[in-house]
Protein backbone atom coordinates (compact mmCIF):
# COMPACT_ATOMS: atom_id res chain seq x y z
CA UNK A 1 -0.19 -0.01 -0.21
CA UNK A 2 1.05 3.40 -0.58
CA UNK A 3 -0.15 6.89 1.00
CA UNK A 4 -2.06 9.46 -1.71
CA UNK A 5 -3.85 12.60 -1.46
CA UNK A 6 -6.59 14.56 -2.86
CA UNK A 7 -6.59 18.56 -2.74
CA UNK A 8 -9.62 20.64 -2.71
CA UNK A 9 -9.33 24.30 -2.77
CA UNK A 10 -9.97 27.69 -4.54
CA UNK A 11 -10.46 31.43 -4.49
CA UNK A 12 -13.93 31.81 -5.15
CA UNK A 13 -15.29 28.71 -2.70
CA UNK A 14 -16.14 28.89 0.96
CA UNK A 15 -14.67 27.06 3.57
CA UNK A 16 -17.75 25.21 4.23
CA UNK A 17 -17.91 23.97 0.57
CA UNK A 18 -14.42 23.10 1.04
CA UNK A 19 -14.81 20.72 3.88
CA UNK A 20 -18.06 19.25 2.24
CA UNK A 21 -15.94 18.29 -0.59
CA UNK A 22 -13.42 16.57 1.54
CA UNK A 23 -15.84 14.97 3.94
CA UNK A 24 -17.66 13.42 0.71
CA UNK A 25 -14.31 11.87 -0.54
CA UNK A 26 -13.46 10.88 2.85
CA UNK A 27 -16.79 9.04 3.23
CA UNK A 28 -16.54 7.56 -0.38
CA UNK A 29 -12.81 6.18 0.56
CA UNK A 30 -14.33 4.49 3.85
CA UNK A 31 -12.85 5.23 6.97
CA UNK A 32 -10.57 2.04 6.74
CA UNK A 33 -8.48 4.01 4.10
CA UNK A 34 -8.35 7.36 5.59
CA UNK A 35 -5.20 8.52 7.32
CA UNK A 36 -6.11 12.47 7.82
CA UNK A 37 -7.50 15.40 6.91
CA UNK A 38 -5.59 18.56 6.65
CA UNK A 39 -6.24 22.56 6.09
CA UNK A 40 -4.15 25.71 5.12
CA UNK A 41 -4.89 28.71 4.10
CA UNK A 42 -2.42 31.19 1.67
CA UNK A 43 -3.31 34.56 0.50
CA UNK A 44 -7.10 34.02 0.75
CA UNK A 45 -6.63 30.74 -0.89
CA UNK A 46 -7.91 27.42 1.22
CA UNK A 47 -6.70 24.13 0.63
CA UNK A 48 -8.27 20.94 2.27
CA UNK A 49 -6.41 17.85 1.82
CA UNK A 50 -7.28 14.39 2.63
CA UNK A 51 -4.61 11.82 3.00
CA UNK A 52 -5.33 8.29 2.54
CA UNK A 53 -4.35 4.57 1.89
CA UNK A 54 -4.05 3.18 -2.02
CA UNK A 55 -2.99 0.04 -3.53
């Protein structure tokens, strides 16, 4: 297995929408594959990253 990630981000999207997208993806991959969800902001651009295990 290896670690993978998916980023959700944008300038014209709310934090609520970003986190909802991340939650939807995390739910889809399942709790057994989920490692963590992290977030950051840089120059008013938010980014939420879902870290997970994959084959």
